[in-house]
Amino acid sequence: MRNHIDLNRDIVHGRANGRVLWQPRIQCWYYDRMYRHEPLPAPYTGLDLRGLYEALGCSNRIYDYNEAVRVIEDPSVRTYEKQIDELRTQCFIETAAGTIDCVVRKNSSNYGTYCEKWWVETQKDLEVQMFIEANRRFEWRQEKYDEIYARWGENGLGSIFFPRVSVQALFHETMGIEGTIYALYDMPDAVEEYLKVRRASHDRFIEMIRTSCLEWINFGDNIHCGVLPPDLFEKYVLPEYQHRNELLHRPDKSYYTFAHWDGDVRGILKYAKETGLDGIEALTPKPQGDVTIEEIKEGLGDQVGLVDGIAAILFDEIYPIEMIEEQVRKLIDLFAGKLILGISDEMSSTGNIDRVKYVTELIDRYNASC
């Protein structure tokens, strides 16, 4: 068993001396096989996810630690469900301010789900959502952290992902993209009030973080400038990043903060140095994303680290394996010491798991030379 946690910590705290941690996310590849009751290929047959990471010789970015966060709702909040058919479930949240509902649809090929009807469609719905946010509290559960650590051990430094920021929450969690865009124009005052309430909720989340033993925090925003153009990023997201980072970079205790930008980023990469972030996760280079590795380096400069960096599609056999090595060497040349190497965003179900082991060998040889 390898001790990845120390190298993870050294990079986060700026003392890696050029070494690189290989930390790919392969959960999609793994869980799609579990869904299909399909055995893993040899020599990995019969392994669980922890055993697979061990066999591949790489680290996992362990977001299981989100289970250590207890969300405490207002006493009036009650949730329940109604099954519509084999694939669709109607979910309800009943509160003292009213009731909202959504319809969640399962896929037939994997464990994924998506919203067929969103929680918030009217101003009244948004007011109910505000009530929920205004009365929500958070509690750190160290015993749950210890339980997860016992499972994953020193495979990686435990992290959690923060609730999505401002309009990204509306896009992904409550209203959908179309509903959010209409709301920004049709009920701007209500949206602004909601965003103030959500900021206050997130401030409480940060105070909970400060009672924990965590060292790095992810902003799980899934940003794609195709739906979040520069004007919306500058108005709604940039100020929230700056506010959060002020609270998370205090002299008495500072955290490594990194945000998840997994879509096209050409229009917003110029803001990276203004965010206060220590790193950005999942920035995806060509031939999958819309920027080159050199453009990513220009956008991040020397002050913002890179988490991930290898285009996910290169793990499919339609691309020559040499393209992976080319990207790895370029990423090391430009980011070594501030690089937690991974797959941007995740290896797909059709990827070749042996290519993950191939990168392990590349990184082992490189780190041995440092």
Protein backbone atom coordinates (compact mmCIF):
# COMPACT_ATOMS: atom_id res chain seq x y z
CA MET A 1 0.00 0.00 0.00
CA ARG A 2 1.35 3.39 -0.99
CA ASN A 3 1.23 6.45 1.21
CA HIS A 4 -0.24 9.09 -1.09
CA ILE A 5 -1.57 11.33 1.67
CA ASP A 6 1.81 12.87 2.50
CA LEU A 7 2.51 13.88 -1.10
CA ASN A 8 -1.06 15.18 -1.42
CA ARG A 9 -0.49 17.29 1.70
CA ASP A 10 2.94 18.48 0.53
CA ILE A 11 1.52 19.77 -2.77
CA VAL A 12 -1.41 21.46 -1.02
CA HIS A 13 0.99 23.19 1.38
CA GLY A 14 3.58 24.12 -1.25
CA ARG A 15 6.45 21.85 -0.24
CA ALA A 16 6.39 19.15 -2.94
CA ASN A 17 9.79 20.09 -4.44
CA GLY A 18 8.54 19.39 -7.95
CA ARG A 19 6.96 16.01 -7.25
CA VAL A 20 3.58 15.19 -8.78
CA LEU A 21 0.65 13.21 -7.35
CA TRP A 22 -1.33 11.03 -9.77
CA GLN A 23 -4.96 11.21 -8.62
CA PRO A 24 -7.40 10.16 -11.38
CA ARG A 25 -11.14 9.83 -10.91
CA ILE A 26 -12.29 6.48 -12.29
CA GLN A 27 -15.61 6.16 -10.45
CA CYS A 28 -17.72 6.43 -13.63
CA TRP A 29 -15.77 3.57 -15.24
CA TYR A 30 -16.08 1.46 -12.08
CA TYR A 31 -19.71 2.08 -11.12
CA ASP A 32 -21.05 1.65 -14.64
CA ARG A 33 -19.62 -1.86 -14.52
CA MET A 34 -21.21 -2.45 -11.14
CA TYR A 35 -24.56 -1.28 -12.55
CA ARG A 36 -24.25 -3.77 -15.43
CA HIS A 37 -23.07 -6.56 -13.08
CA GLU A 38 -20.00 -6.78 -15.29
CA PRO A 39 -16.78 -8.11 -13.72
CA LEU A 40 -13.70 -5.95 -13.87
CA PRO A 41 -11.12 -7.11 -16.43
CA ALA A 42 -8.11 -9.13 -15.30
CA PRO A 43 -5.97 -8.56 -13.28
CA TYR A 44 -8.52 -6.39 -11.41
CA THR A 45 -11.40 -8.90 -11.32
CA GLY A 46 -13.12 -9.02 -7.93
CA LEU A 47 -11.58 -5.83 -6.54
CA ASP A 48 -13.63 -3.15 -4.85
CA LEU A 49 -12.91 0.51 -5.62
CA ARG A 50 -10.34 0.84 -2.83
CA GLY A 51 -8.57 -2.31 -4.04
CA LEU A 52 -8.65 -1.07 -7.63
CA TYR A 53 -6.90 2.17 -6.69
CA GLU A 54 -4.31 0.19 -4.76
CA ALA A 55 -3.70 -2.15 -7.71
CA LEU A 56 -3.33 0.81 -10.08
CA GLY A 57 -0.86 2.49 -7.72
CA CYS A 58 -2.64 5.84 -7.72
CA SER A 59 -4.50 8.15 -5.34
CA ASN A 60 -8.22 8.84 -5.13
CA ARG A 61 -9.65 12.33 -4.59
CA ILE A 62 -11.77 11.18 -1.68
CA TYR A 63 -15.02 13.14 -1.68
CA ASP A 64 -16.62 10.44 0.47
CA TYR A 65 -15.81 12.78 3.37
CA ASN A 66 -18.91 14.81 2.47
CA GLU A 67 -20.67 12.11 4.50
CA ALA A 68 -19.05 13.69 7.57
CA VAL A 69 -21.18 16.83 7.08
CA ARG A 70 -24.58 16.67 8.78
CA VAL A 71 -27.17 19.02 7.30
CA ILE A 72 -29.66 20.18 9.94
CA GLU A 73 -32.94 21.51 8.55
CA ASP A 74 -35.64 23.61 10.19
CA PRO A 75 -37.94 21.40 12.33
CA SER A 76 -40.84 22.09 9.96
CA VAL A 77 -39.03 20.56 6.98
CA ARG A 78 -40.30 17.16 5.89
CA THR A 79 -39.21 15.27 2.77
CA TYR A 80 -41.07 12.45 1.08
CA GLU A 81 -41.36 10.78 -2.33
CA LYS A 82 -43.96 9.32 -4.66
CA GLN A 83 -43.04 6.80 -7.34
CA ILE A 84 -44.55 7.84 -10.69
CA ASP A 85 -43.31 4.92 -12.78
CA GLU A 86 -40.29 2.65 -13.11
CA LEU A 87 -37.91 5.49 -13.93
CA ARG A 88 -39.50 8.62 -12.42
CA THR A 89 -39.88 9.73 -8.81
CA GLN A 90 -41.63 12.85 -7.55
CA CYS A 91 -39.80 14.33 -4.54
CA PHE A 92 -41.41 16.77 -2.09
CA ILE A 93 -40.05 19.20 0.51
CA GLU A 94 -42.75 20.41 2.89
CA THR A 95 -41.93 23.46 5.04
CA ALA A 96 -43.62 26.09 7.19
CA ALA A 97 -43.33 28.41 4.18
CA GLY A 98 -44.93 26.03 1.68
CA THR A 99 -44.16 22.90 -0.33
CA ILE A 100 -42.00 22.46 -3.42
CA ASP A 101 -41.48 19.38 -5.57
CA CYS A 102 -39.32 18.06 -8.37
CA VAL A 103 -39.40 15.02 -10.64
CA VAL A 104 -36.21 12.97 -10.86
CA ARG A 105 -35.67 10.53 -13.71
CA LYS A 106 -33.31 7.58 -13.54
CA ASN A 107 -31.22 6.41 -16.47
CA SER A 108 -31.63 2.89 -17.77
CA SER A 109 -27.90 2.36 -18.37
CA ASN A 110 -26.20 3.63 -15.18
CA TYR A 111 -26.80 4.96 -11.67
CA GLY A 112 -27.16 8.56 -12.87
CA THR A 113 -30.33 10.66 -12.50
CA TYR A 114 -31.49 14.00 -13.84
CA CYS A 115 -34.22 16.52 -13.09
CA GLU A 116 -37.25 16.28 -15.36
CA LYS A 117 -39.08 18.97 -13.36
CA TRP A 118 -37.14 21.45 -11.22
CA TRP A 119 -37.82 22.43 -7.61
CA VAL A 120 -38.28 26.13 -8.38
CA GLU A 121 -40.55 27.37 -11.17
CA THR A 122 -42.24 30.42 -9.59
CA GLN A 123 -41.37 33.24 -7.19
CA LYS A 124 -43.36 31.45 -4.48
CA ASP A 125 -41.21 28.35 -5.01
CA LEU A 126 -38.09 30.50 -4.68
CA GLU A 127 -39.40 31.92 -1.40
CA VAL A 128 -39.79 28.38 -0.07
CA GLN A 129 -36.24 27.62 -1.16
CA MET A 130 -35.09 30.77 0.64
CA PHE A 131 -36.79 29.59 3.83
CA ILE A 132 -34.95 26.26 3.59
CA GLU A 133 -31.57 27.97 3.03
CA ALA A 134 -32.13 30.58 5.75
CA ASN A 135 -32.82 27.94 8.39
CA ARG A 136 -30.26 25.34 7.34
CA ARG A 137 -27.35 24.56 9.66
CA PHE A 138 -24.31 22.31 9.34
CA GLU A 139 -22.45 20.08 11.77
CA TRP A 140 -19.12 18.28 11.45
CA ARG A 141 -19.16 14.58 12.40
CA GLN A 142 -15.63 13.52 13.29
CA GLU A 143 -16.73 9.94 13.94
CA LYS A 144 -17.92 9.69 10.31
CA TYR A 145 -14.63 11.17 9.10
CA ASP A 146 -12.76 8.52 11.09
CA GLU A 147 -14.95 5.79 9.61
CA ILE A 148 -14.16 6.91 6.04
CA TYR A 149 -10.47 7.27 6.86
CA ALA A 150 -10.47 3.68 8.10
CA ARG A 151 -11.79 2.67 4.67
CA TRP A 152 -9.44 4.76 2.51
CA GLY A 153 -6.49 5.25 4.84
CA GLU A 154 -3.50 7.00 3.32
CA ASN A 155 -4.69 6.76 -0.28
CA GLY A 156 -5.34 10.52 -0.40
CA LEU A 157 -6.01 13.65 1.61
CA GLY A 158 -9.67 13.85 2.59
CA SER A 159 -11.71 16.64 1.01
CA ILE A 160 -15.31 17.76 0.69
CA PHE A 161 -17.05 19.70 -2.03
CA PHE A 162 -18.79 22.92 -1.10
CA PRO A 163 -22.42 23.59 -2.12
CA ARG A 164 -22.47 25.24 -5.54
CA VAL A 165 -22.04 28.98 -5.72
CA SER A 166 -24.85 31.49 -6.55
CA VAL A 167 -26.23 31.03 -10.08
CA GLN A 168 -24.47 27.67 -10.46
CA ALA A 169 -26.75 26.35 -7.71
CA LEU A 170 -29.78 27.67 -9.60
CA PHE A 171 -28.54 26.11 -12.86
CA HIS A 172 -27.76 22.68 -11.41
CA GLU A 173 -29.87 22.20 -8.30
CA THR A 174 -33.07 24.23 -8.21
CA MET A 175 -34.23 25.87 -11.46
CA GLY A 176 -32.26 24.49 -14.40
CA ILE A 177 -30.46 26.67 -16.94
CA GLU A 178 -33.49 27.95 -18.86
CA GLY A 179 -35.49 28.65 -15.70
CA THR A 180 -32.57 30.52 -14.13
CA ILE A 181 -31.99 32.75 -17.15
CA TYR A 182 -35.67 33.71 -17.24
CA ALA A 183 -35.66 34.34 -13.47
CA LEU A 184 -32.67 36.71 -13.72
CA TYR A 185 -34.81 38.93 -15.97
CA ASP A 186 -38.36 38.24 -14.73
CA MET A 187 -37.83 38.34 -10.94
CA PRO A 188 -34.38 39.87 -10.37
CA ASP A 189 -35.15 41.20 -6.88
CA ALA A 190 -36.24 37.79 -5.63
CA VAL A 191 -33.16 36.15 -7.15
CA GLU A 192 -30.87 38.72 -5.51
CA GLU A 193 -32.54 38.12 -2.15
CA TYR A 194 -32.16 34.37 -2.57
CA LEU A 195 -28.45 34.76 -3.37
CA LYS A 196 -27.95 36.83 -0.19
CA VAL A 197 -29.65 34.12 1.86
CA ARG A 198 -27.53 31.43 0.20
CA ARG A 199 -24.33 33.37 0.91
CA ALA A 200 -25.26 33.53 4.60
CA SER A 201 -25.93 29.78 4.52
CA HIS A 202 -22.51 29.18 2.99
CA ASP A 203 -20.88 31.35 5.63
CA ARG A 204 -22.31 28.93 8.19
CA PHE A 205 -20.93 26.06 6.11
CA ILE A 206 -17.48 27.67 6.34
CA GLU A 207 -17.77 27.98 10.10
CA MET A 208 -18.55 24.26 10.20
CA ILE A 209 -15.45 23.58 8.07
CA ARG A 210 -13.35 25.43 10.62
CA THR A 211 -14.33 22.86 13.27
CA SER A 212 -13.08 20.02 11.04
CA CYS A 213 -9.67 18.47 10.38
CA LEU A 214 -9.88 19.13 6.63
CA GLU A 215 -7.01 20.81 4.76
CA TRP A 216 -8.38 21.33 1.26
CA ILE A 217 -11.86 22.28 0.11
CA ASN A 218 -13.46 21.92 -3.32
CA PHE A 219 -16.05 24.29 -4.79
CA GLY A 220 -18.02 21.74 -6.82
CA ASP A 221 -19.44 24.18 -9.35
CA ASN A 222 -19.22 22.36 -12.71
CA ILE A 223 -18.59 25.62 -14.55
CA HIS A 224 -19.01 25.77 -18.32
CA CYS A 225 -18.86 29.18 -19.96
CA GLY A 226 -21.25 28.02 -22.67
CA VAL A 227 -24.01 28.63 -20.11
CA LEU A 228 -22.08 30.91 -17.74
CA PRO A 229 -20.66 33.64 -20.01
CA PRO A 230 -18.14 36.20 -18.73
CA ASP A 231 -20.74 38.80 -17.74
CA LEU A 232 -22.62 36.33 -15.50
CA PHE A 233 -19.36 34.96 -14.08
CA GLU A 234 -18.12 38.46 -13.24
CA LYS A 235 -21.42 39.54 -11.67
CA TYR A 236 -22.43 36.43 -9.73
CA VAL A 237 -19.55 33.97 -9.34
CA LEU A 238 -16.36 36.01 -9.01
CA PRO A 239 -17.54 38.02 -5.94
CA GLU A 240 -18.67 34.83 -4.19
CA TYR A 241 -15.33 33.12 -4.82
CA GLN A 242 -13.52 36.14 -3.43
CA HIS A 243 -15.79 36.25 -0.37
CA ARG A 244 -15.41 32.53 0.36
CA ASN A 245 -11.64 32.66 -0.06
CA GLU A 246 -11.32 35.58 2.31
CA LEU A 247 -13.04 33.47 4.97
CA LEU A 248 -11.05 30.32 4.16
CA HIS A 249 -7.63 32.00 4.07
CA ARG A 250 -7.42 33.45 7.56
CA PRO A 251 -4.04 33.84 9.29
CA ASP A 252 -5.00 31.45 12.11
CA LYS A 253 -6.03 28.65 9.72
CA SER A 254 -5.93 28.59 5.94
CA TYR A 255 -7.32 25.97 3.56
CA TYR A 256 -6.32 25.04 0.02
CA THR A 257 -9.37 25.93 -2.07
CA PHE A 258 -10.03 24.69 -5.59
CA ALA A 259 -13.04 24.96 -7.89
CA HIS A 260 -14.40 22.51 -10.45
CA TRP A 261 -14.42 24.03 -13.96
CA ASP A 262 -15.10 21.07 -16.24
CA GLY A 263 -16.57 22.69 -19.36
CA ASP A 264 -15.38 25.21 -21.92
CA VAL A 265 -13.43 27.96 -20.16
CA ARG A 266 -11.91 30.18 -22.84
CA GLY A 267 -14.23 33.07 -21.96
CA ILE A 268 -13.61 32.99 -18.20
CA LEU A 269 -10.06 31.68 -17.72
CA LYS A 270 -8.85 35.29 -17.55
CA TYR A 271 -10.57 35.61 -14.14
CA ALA A 272 -8.74 32.67 -12.52
CA LYS A 273 -6.07 34.79 -10.81
CA GLU A 274 -8.72 37.14 -9.37
CA THR A 275 -10.76 34.41 -7.66
CA GLY A 276 -8.49 33.88 -4.64
CA LEU A 277 -8.47 30.15 -5.42
CA ASP A 278 -5.38 28.05 -4.77
CA GLY A 279 -6.21 25.68 -7.61
CA ILE A 280 -8.73 24.80 -10.29
CA GLU A 281 -9.95 21.26 -10.88
CA ALA A 282 -10.89 19.55 -14.15
CA LEU A 283 -9.74 22.23 -16.62
CA THR A 284 -9.85 20.21 -19.83
CA PRO A 285 -7.35 20.77 -22.64
CA LYS A 286 -7.78 20.09 -26.32
CA PRO A 287 -8.68 17.82 -28.07
CA GLN A 288 -11.61 17.65 -25.62
CA GLY A 289 -11.82 21.14 -24.13
CA ASP A 290 -11.55 24.52 -25.83
CA VAL A 291 -8.09 25.57 -24.56
CA THR A 292 -4.53 24.29 -24.87
CA ILE A 293 -2.35 23.36 -21.91
CA GLU A 294 -0.27 26.46 -22.62
CA GLU A 295 -3.40 28.64 -22.45
CA ILE A 296 -4.32 27.02 -19.14
CA LYS A 297 -0.88 27.91 -17.80
CA GLU A 298 -1.22 31.48 -19.03
CA GLY A 299 -4.61 31.77 -17.32
CA LEU A 300 -3.45 30.31 -14.00
CA GLY A 301 0.00 31.86 -13.97
CA ASP A 302 2.29 30.88 -11.12
CA GLN A 303 -0.19 31.55 -8.33
CA VAL A 304 -3.01 29.09 -9.13
CA GLY A 305 -2.33 25.36 -9.15
CA LEU A 306 -3.81 22.76 -11.49
CA VAL A 307 -5.82 19.78 -10.28
CA ASP A 308 -6.25 17.18 -13.10
CA GLY A 309 -5.22 18.24 -16.63
CA ILE A 310 -5.28 15.15 -18.89
CA ALA A 311 -8.17 15.15 -21.38
CA ALA A 312 -10.46 12.26 -20.44
CA ILE A 313 -11.05 11.12 -24.01
CA LEU A 314 -7.37 10.18 -24.36
CA PHE A 315 -8.05 7.15 -22.17
CA ASP A 316 -10.20 5.70 -24.96
CA GLU A 317 -8.33 3.54 -27.44
CA ILE A 318 -9.42 5.64 -30.42
CA TYR A 319 -6.54 7.95 -29.40
CA PRO A 320 -2.92 6.77 -29.46
CA ILE A 321 -1.48 6.27 -25.99
CA GLU A 322 1.42 8.54 -26.93
CA MET A 323 -0.97 11.50 -26.70
CA ILE A 324 -1.35 10.81 -22.97
CA GLU A 325 2.41 10.83 -22.47
CA GLU A 326 2.71 14.06 -24.45
CA GLN A 327 0.12 15.79 -22.24
CA VAL A 328 1.63 14.39 -19.03
CA ARG A 329 5.12 15.65 -19.90
CA LYS A 330 3.79 19.05 -20.87
CA LEU A 331 1.75 19.35 -17.66
CA ILE A 332 4.78 18.41 -15.56
CA ASP A 333 6.98 20.93 -17.38
CA LEU A 334 4.49 23.76 -16.77
CA PHE A 335 2.97 22.91 -13.38
CA ALA A 336 5.32 20.60 -11.41
CA GLY A 337 5.19 21.42 -7.71
CA LYS A 338 1.66 22.83 -8.06
CA LEU A 339 0.20 19.88 -9.95
CA ILE A 340 -2.16 17.20 -8.69
CA LEU A 341 -2.41 15.26 -11.91
CA GLY A 342 -5.75 13.71 -12.80
CA ILE A 343 -8.26 13.07 -15.56
CA SER A 344 -10.31 16.04 -16.70
CA ASP A 345 -13.11 15.24 -15.76
CA GLU A 346 -13.37 11.45 -15.33
CA MET A 347 -12.43 8.47 -17.43
CA SER A 348 -15.51 7.30 -19.29
CA SER A 349 -17.02 3.83 -19.27
CA THR A 350 -15.32 3.13 -22.57
CA GLY A 351 -11.85 4.06 -21.34
CA ASN A 352 -9.03 1.54 -21.00
CA ILE A 353 -8.09 1.09 -17.34
CA ASP A 354 -4.59 -0.05 -18.31
CA ARG A 355 -3.90 3.51 -19.44
CA VAL A 356 -4.33 4.64 -15.83
CA LYS A 357 -1.57 2.20 -14.82
CA TYR A 358 0.52 3.53 -17.71
CA VAL A 359 0.36 7.04 -16.23
CA THR A 360 1.26 5.62 -12.80
CA GLU A 361 4.48 4.29 -14.31
CA LEU A 362 5.24 7.64 -15.99
CA ILE A 363 4.78 9.51 -12.70
CA ASP A 364 6.75 6.97 -10.68
CA ARG A 365 9.73 7.41 -13.03
CA TYR A 366 9.42 11.19 -12.92
CA ASN A 367 9.13 11.41 -9.11
CA ALA A 368 12.12 9.08 -8.70
CA SER A 369 14.19 11.63 -10.61
CA CYS A 370 13.21 14.59 -8.40
